[in-house]
C-alpha atoms as a PDB file:
ATOM      1  CA  MET A   1      13.146  -0.936  31.265  1.00  0.00           C
ATOM      2  CA  LYS A   2      15.776  -0.282  33.789  1.00  0.00           C
ATOM      3  CA  LYS A   3      18.435   0.158  30.509  1.00  0.00           C
ATOM      4  CA  TRP A   4      16.240   3.162  29.630  1.00  0.00           C
ATOM      5  CA  LEU A   5      15.550   4.989  32.892  1.00  0.00           C
ATOM      6  CA  PRO A   6      19.159   6.945  32.749  1.00  0.00           C
ATOM      7  CA  VAL A   7      18.629   8.233  29.176  1.00  0.00           C
ATOM      8  CA  ALA A   8      14.865   9.045  30.468  1.00  0.00           C
ATOM      9  CA  LEU A   9      16.522  11.122  33.231  1.00  0.00           C
ATOM     10  CA  ALA A  10      19.126  12.491  31.358  1.00  0.00           C
ATOM     11  CA  LEU A  11      16.634  14.246  28.965  1.00  0.00           C
ATOM     12  CA  ALA A  12      14.349  15.372  31.231  1.00  0.00           C
ATOM     13  CA  LEU A  13      17.449  17.161  33.212  1.00  0.00           C
ATOM     14  CA  SER A  14      18.697  18.654  29.855  1.00  0.00           C
ATOM     15  CA  ALA A  15      14.793  19.940  29.275  1.00  0.00           C
ATOM     16  CA  CYS A  16      14.989  21.762  33.057  1.00  0.00           C
ATOM     17  CA  SER A  17      18.321  23.476  31.951  1.00  0.00           C
ATOM     18  CA  SER A  18      18.068  26.440  30.696  1.00  0.00           C
ATOM     19  CA  THR A  19      20.072  27.642  27.655  1.00  0.00           C
ATOM     20  CA  SER A  20      20.631  31.156  27.417  1.00  0.00           C
ATOM     21  CA  ASP A  21      20.462  32.346  23.778  1.00  0.00           C
ATOM     22  CA  THR A  22      23.645  35.092  23.555  1.00  0.00           C
ATOM     23  CA  THR A  23      22.648  38.423  22.307  1.00  0.00           C
ATOM     24  CA  TYR A  24      25.378  40.730  20.559  1.00  0.00           C
ATOM     25  CA  TYR A  25      24.613  44.823  20.305  1.00  0.00           C
ATOM     26  CA  GLN A  26      26.101  47.199  18.065  1.00  0.00           C
ATOM     27  CA  LEU A  27      25.982  50.897  18.698  1.00  0.00           C
ATOM     28  CA  PRO A  28      23.470  52.786  16.192  1.00  0.00           C
ATOM     29  CA  VAL A  29      24.435  55.678  13.907  1.00  0.00           C
ATOM     30  CA  ALA A  30      21.733  57.978  12.877  1.00  0.00           C
ATOM     31  CA  ALA A  31      20.979  57.744   9.085  1.00  0.00           C
ATOM     32  CA  LYS A  32      22.591  60.731   6.386  1.00  0.00           C
ATOM     33  CA  GLY A  33      22.973  60.700   3.150  1.00  0.00           C
ATOM     34  CA  ALA A  34      25.749  59.796   1.734  1.00  0.00           C
ATOM     35  CA  ALA A  35      28.674  62.147   0.982  1.00  0.00           C
ATOM     36  CA  VAL A  36      31.960  62.291  -0.814  1.00  0.00           C
ATOM     37  CA  SER A  37      34.994  64.091   0.990  1.00  0.00           C
ATOM     38  CA  SER A  38      37.808  65.303  -0.639  1.00  0.00           C
ATOM     39  CA  VAL A  39      40.749  66.524   1.771  1.00  0.00           C
ATOM     40  CA  ASP A  40      40.955  70.708   1.078  1.00  0.00           C
ATOM     41  CA  ALA A  41      43.675  72.639   2.821  1.00  0.00           C
ATOM     42  CA  ALA A  42      40.773  75.383   3.115  1.00  0.00           C
ATOM     43  CA  ARG A  43      38.474  72.852   4.969  1.00  0.00           C
ATOM     44  CA  PRO A  44      38.597  72.194   8.593  1.00  0.00           C
ATOM     45  CA  ALA A  45      39.759  68.817   9.808  1.00  0.00           C
ATOM     46  CA  VAL A  46      39.408  66.693  12.847  1.00  0.00           C
ATOM     47  CA  PHE A  47      41.424  63.665  13.635  1.00  0.00           C
ATOM     48  CA  VAL A  48      39.690  61.593  16.258  1.00  0.00           C
ATOM     49  CA  GLN A  49      42.716  59.924  17.521  1.00  0.00           C
ATOM     50  CA  HIS A  50      41.633  57.985  19.737  1.00  0.00           C
ATOM     51  CA  VAL A  51      38.290  57.081  22.708  1.00  0.00           C
ATOM     52  CA  SER A  52      39.446  54.859  25.595  1.00  0.00           C
ATOM     53  CA  VAL A  53      37.253  52.916  28.044  1.00  0.00           C
ATOM     54  CA  PRO A  54      38.236  51.615  31.642  1.00  0.00           C
ATOM     55  CA  ASP A  55      38.857  48.394  32.161  1.00  0.00           C
ATOM     56  CA  TYR A  56      35.475  47.425  33.172  1.00  0.00           C
ATOM     57  CA  LEU A  57      33.880  48.647  30.301  1.00  0.00           C
ATOM     58  CA  SER A  58      36.451  46.934  28.064  1.00  0.00           C
ATOM     59  CA  GLY A  59      35.065  43.455  27.696  1.00  0.00           C
ATOM     60  CA  ASN A  60      32.743  42.158  25.751  1.00  0.00           C
ATOM     61  CA  GLY A  61      29.581  42.644  28.011  1.00  0.00           C
ATOM     62  CA  LEU A  62      27.686  45.387  28.670  1.00  0.00           C
ATOM     63  CA  VAL A  63      27.857  46.977  32.240  1.00  0.00           C
ATOM     64  CA  TYR A  64      25.007  48.015  34.418  1.00  0.00           C
ATOM     65  CA  GLN A  65      25.193  49.213  37.736  1.00  0.00           C
ATOM     66  CA  THR A  66      23.401  47.836  40.349  1.00  0.00           C
ATOM     67  CA  SER A  67      24.110  49.661  43.564  1.00  0.00           C
ATOM     68  CA  ASP A  68      26.616  52.723  44.060  1.00  0.00           C
ATOM     69  CA  VAL A  69      29.263  50.441  44.290  1.00  0.00           C
ATOM     70  CA  LYS A  70      28.299  47.795  42.570  1.00  0.00           C
ATOM     71  CA  TYR A  71      28.675  46.892  38.864  1.00  0.00           C
ATOM     72  CA  THR A  72      27.277  43.492  37.265  1.00  0.00           C
ATOM     73  CA  ILE A  73      29.081  42.762  33.708  1.00  0.00           C
ATOM     74  CA  ALA A  74      26.573  40.879  31.484  1.00  0.00           C
ATOM     75  CA  ALA A  75      27.472  37.780  30.129  1.00  0.00           C
ATOM     76  CA  ASN A  76      24.860  36.900  27.540  1.00  0.00           C
ATOM     77  CA  ASN A  77      24.460  40.352  26.105  1.00  0.00           C
ATOM     78  CA  LEU A  78      27.834  41.432  24.326  1.00  0.00           C
ATOM     79  CA  TRP A  79      28.959  44.144  22.080  1.00  0.00           C
ATOM     80  CA  ALA A  80      29.319  42.853  18.519  1.00  0.00           C
ATOM     81  CA  SER A  81      32.717  44.503  18.673  1.00  0.00           C
ATOM     82  CA  PRO A  82      34.831  45.948  20.553  1.00  0.00           C
ATOM     83  CA  LEU A  83      33.105  49.213  22.503  1.00  0.00           C
ATOM     84  CA  ASP A  84      36.133  51.440  22.339  1.00  0.00           C
ATOM     85  CA  GLN A  85      36.126  51.045  18.166  1.00  0.00           C
ATOM     86  CA  GLN A  86      32.493  51.427  17.987  1.00  0.00           C
ATOM     87  CA  LEU A  87      32.336  54.448  20.298  1.00  0.00           C
ATOM     88  CA  GLN A  88      35.417  56.068  17.598  1.00  0.00           C
ATOM     89  CA  GLN A  89      33.148  55.219  14.947  1.00  0.00           C
ATOM     90  CA  THR A  90      30.134  56.509  15.930  1.00  0.00           C
ATOM     91  CA  LEU A  91      32.105  59.551  16.991  1.00  0.00           C
ATOM     92  CA  VAL A  92      33.499  59.928  13.692  1.00  0.00           C
ATOM     93  CA  ALA A  93      30.169  59.917  12.269  1.00  0.00           C
ATOM     94  CA  ASN A  94      28.010  62.170  14.185  1.00  0.00           C
ATOM     95  CA  LEU A  95      30.820  64.384  14.340  1.00  0.00           C
ATOM     96  CA  SER A  96      30.837  64.130  10.357  1.00  0.00           C
ATOM     97  CA  GLN A  97      26.900  65.020  10.539  1.00  0.00           C
ATOM     98  CA  ALA A  98      27.227  67.930  12.971  1.00  0.00           C
ATOM     99  CA  LEU A  99      30.726  69.892  11.392  1.00  0.00           C
ATOM    100  CA  PRO A 100      29.007  69.375   7.475  1.00  0.00           C
ATOM    101  CA  GLY A 101      31.850  71.529   6.515  1.00  0.00           C
ATOM    102  CA  SER A 102      34.739  69.826   7.982  1.00  0.00           C
ATOM    103  CA  LEU A 103      36.486  67.167   7.531  1.00  0.00           C
ATOM    104  CA  VAL A 104      36.178  64.085  10.320  1.00  0.00           C
ATOM    105  CA  SER A 105      38.213  61.086  10.481  1.00  0.00           C
ATOM    106  CA  ALA A 106      39.488  58.178  12.499  1.00  0.00           C
ATOM    107  CA  SER A 107      42.810  58.286  10.566  1.00  0.00           C
ATOM    108  CA  PRO A 108      45.291  61.389  10.429  1.00  0.00           C
ATOM    109  CA  LEU A 109      44.934  63.778   7.879  1.00  0.00           C
ATOM    110  CA  GLY A 110      47.777  66.014   7.263  1.00  0.00           C
ATOM    111  CA  GLN A 111      49.468  68.667   9.287  1.00  0.00           C
ATOM    112  CA  GLN A 112      46.147  71.091   9.627  1.00  0.00           C
ATOM    113  CA  GLN A 113      43.729  68.994  11.910  1.00  0.00           C
ATOM    114  CA  ASP A 114      42.644  69.065  14.842  1.00  0.00           C
ATOM    115  CA  THR A 115      43.400  66.352  17.041  1.00  0.00           C
ATOM    116  CA  LEU A 116      40.593  64.855  19.497  1.00  0.00           C
ATOM    117  CA  ASN A 117      40.602  62.457  22.207  1.00  0.00           C
ATOM    118  CA  VAL A 118      38.346  60.966  24.821  1.00  0.00           C
ATOM    119  CA  THR A 119      38.226  59.250  27.341  1.00  0.00           C
ATOM    120  CA  MET A 120      35.650  57.422  28.421  1.00  0.00           C
ATOM    121  CA  THR A 121      34.661  56.779  32.170  1.00  0.00           C
ATOM    122  CA  GLY A 122      31.342  55.874  32.335  1.00  0.00           C
ATOM    123  CA  PHE A 123      28.913  54.016  29.338  1.00  0.00           C
ATOM    124  CA  HIS A 124      26.512  52.000  31.122  1.00  0.00           C
ATOM    125  CA  GLY A 125      23.199  51.469  32.754  1.00  0.00           C
ATOM    126  CA  ARG A 126      22.552  52.192  36.518  1.00  0.00           C
ATOM    127  CA  TYR A 127      20.106  50.629  38.879  1.00  0.00           C
ATOM    128  CA  ASP A 128      17.730  53.930  38.411  1.00  0.00           C
ATOM    129  CA  GLY A 129      17.150  53.329  34.731  1.00  0.00           C
ATOM    130  CA  HIS A 130      19.312  55.970  33.497  1.00  0.00           C
ATOM    131  CA  ALA A 131      21.972  55.747  30.997  1.00  0.00           C
ATOM    132  CA  VAL A 132      25.175  56.859  32.165  1.00  0.00           C
ATOM    133  CA  ILE A 133      27.566  58.200  29.592  1.00  0.00           C
ATOM    134  CA  SER A 134      30.608  60.470  31.079  1.00  0.00           C
ATOM    135  CA  GLY A 135      34.260  61.170  30.560  1.00  0.00           C
ATOM    136  CA  ASP A 136      36.387  64.217  29.239  1.00  0.00           C
ATOM    137  CA  TRP A 137      37.613  65.430  25.765  1.00  0.00           C
ATOM    138  CA  VAL A 138      40.832  66.879  25.020  1.00  0.00           C
ATOM    139  CA  LEU A 139      41.275  68.491  21.664  1.00  0.00           C
ATOM    140  CA  GLU A 140      44.381  70.144  20.169  1.00  0.00           C
ATOM    141  CA  HIS A 141      43.498  73.031  18.079  1.00  0.00           C
ATOM    142  CA  GLN A 142      46.326  75.220  16.295  1.00  0.00           C
ATOM    143  CA  GLY A 143      48.906  74.544  19.494  1.00  0.00           C
ATOM    144  CA  GLN A 144      46.085  75.572  21.468  1.00  0.00           C
ATOM    145  CA  ILE A 145      44.471  72.487  24.324  1.00  0.00           C
ATOM    146  CA  VAL A 146      41.043  72.743  25.071  1.00  0.00           C
ATOM    147  CA  LYS A 147      40.079  69.838  27.645  1.00  0.00           C
ATOM    148  CA  ARG A 148      36.049  69.347  29.019  1.00  0.00           C
ATOM    149  CA  SER A 149      34.487  66.959  31.069  1.00  0.00           C
ATOM    150  CA  PHE A 150      30.971  65.114  30.225  1.00  0.00           C
ATOM    151  CA  THR A 151      28.354  63.492  32.272  1.00  0.00           C
ATOM    152  CA  LEU A 152      25.338  62.599  31.171  1.00  0.00           C
ATOM    153  CA  ALA A 153      22.118  60.487  32.836  1.00  0.00           C
ATOM    154  CA  LEU A 154      19.418  59.944  30.628  1.00  0.00           C
ATOM    155  CA  PRO A 155      16.306  58.119  31.331  1.00  0.00           C
ATOM    156  CA  GLN A 156      15.715  54.481  29.753  1.00  0.00           C
ATOM    157  CA  LYS A 157      11.875  54.881  27.992  1.00  0.00           C
ATOM    158  CA  GLU A 158      11.636  50.887  28.228  1.00  0.00           C
ATOM    159  CA  ASP A 159      13.336  48.227  30.403  1.00  0.00           C
ATOM    160  CA  GLY A 160      15.692  46.204  28.594  1.00  0.00           C
ATOM    161  CA  TYR A 161      19.179  45.913  26.871  1.00  0.00           C
ATOM    162  CA  ASP A 162      17.904  46.727  23.520  1.00  0.00           C
ATOM    163  CA  ALA A 163      16.490  50.375  25.420  1.00  0.00           C
ATOM    164  CA  LEU A 164      19.462  50.543  26.961  1.00  0.00           C
ATOM    165  CA  VAL A 165      21.765  50.059  23.986  1.00  0.00           C
ATOM    166  CA  ARG A 166      19.507  52.907  22.464  1.00  0.00           C
ATOM    167  CA  THR A 167      19.463  55.235  25.380  1.00  0.00           C
ATOM    168  CA  LEU A 168      23.340  54.707  25.089  1.00  0.00           C
ATOM    169  CA  ALA A 169      23.890  55.891  21.524  1.00  0.00           C
ATOM    170  CA  GLU A 170      21.242  59.015  21.898  1.00  0.00           C
ATOM    171  CA  GLY A 171      23.068  59.714  25.123  1.00  0.00           C
ATOM    172  CA  TRP A 172      26.693  59.522  22.869  1.00  0.00           C
ATOM    173  CA  GLN A 173      25.451  61.216  19.797  1.00  0.00           C
ATOM    174  CA  GLN A 174      24.419  64.268  22.079  1.00  0.00           C
ATOM    175  CA  GLU A 175      28.252  64.488  23.768  1.00  0.00           C
ATOM    176  CA  ALA A 176      28.769  64.196  19.973  1.00  0.00           C
ATOM    177  CA  GLN A 177      27.074  67.529  18.886  1.00  0.00           C
ATOM    178  CA  ASP A 178      28.377  69.503  22.229  1.00  0.00           C
ATOM    179  CA  ILE A 179      31.741  68.295  21.019  1.00  0.00           C
ATOM    180  CA  ALA A 180      30.851  70.128  17.729  1.00  0.00           C
ATOM    181  CA  ASN A 181      29.834  73.311  19.335  1.00  0.00           C
ATOM    182  CA  GLY A 182      33.006  73.325  20.932  1.00  0.00           C
ATOM    183  CA  ILE A 183      35.157  72.714  17.976  1.00  0.00           C
ATOM    184  CA  ARG A 184      32.659  75.272  16.149  1.00  0.00           C
ATOM    185  CA  SER A 185      33.774  77.452  18.742  1.00  0.00           C
ATOM    186  CA  LEU A 186      37.442  78.071  18.066  1.00  0.00           C
ATOM    187  CA  ASN A 187      37.434  78.208  14.491  1.00  0.00           C
END
């Protein structure tokens, strides 16, 4: 009987320990119809060269601001792919929808293209129930440089990481629309 006691104790302890499931998140892109694009010299082109994120956002974990000076990086709620890549891919998709007459790509498109670079300073949840999307974008358009800053704080409709990711995606889509408006104003 005594030789089974350590086994029973180990089983009891392992039953009490909690195992956290890891969850992976991908930014959703608004549904759109399939489009075939070809390079046309008369068609405006936008090269989304780079979207950069600060170090605290460059890891795998989603970020949550717990006070005015404290941030927590989730250990079990992770981005499915690097955040900078997701931001660039969704920006290309969102700009393609917002600028239907333009060719938007994450690859160089030739010599007659606008070049867009975005530097993120915030893309996280906040203790007051808001999702924060902030940074600036720089567009090179026919030798002219345009720089604009942005800051959004959108309220989450529900609690939890799923709602946070959806709200962040909604804010990123809003910012893509603002970028598209800025690009249109130059043409």
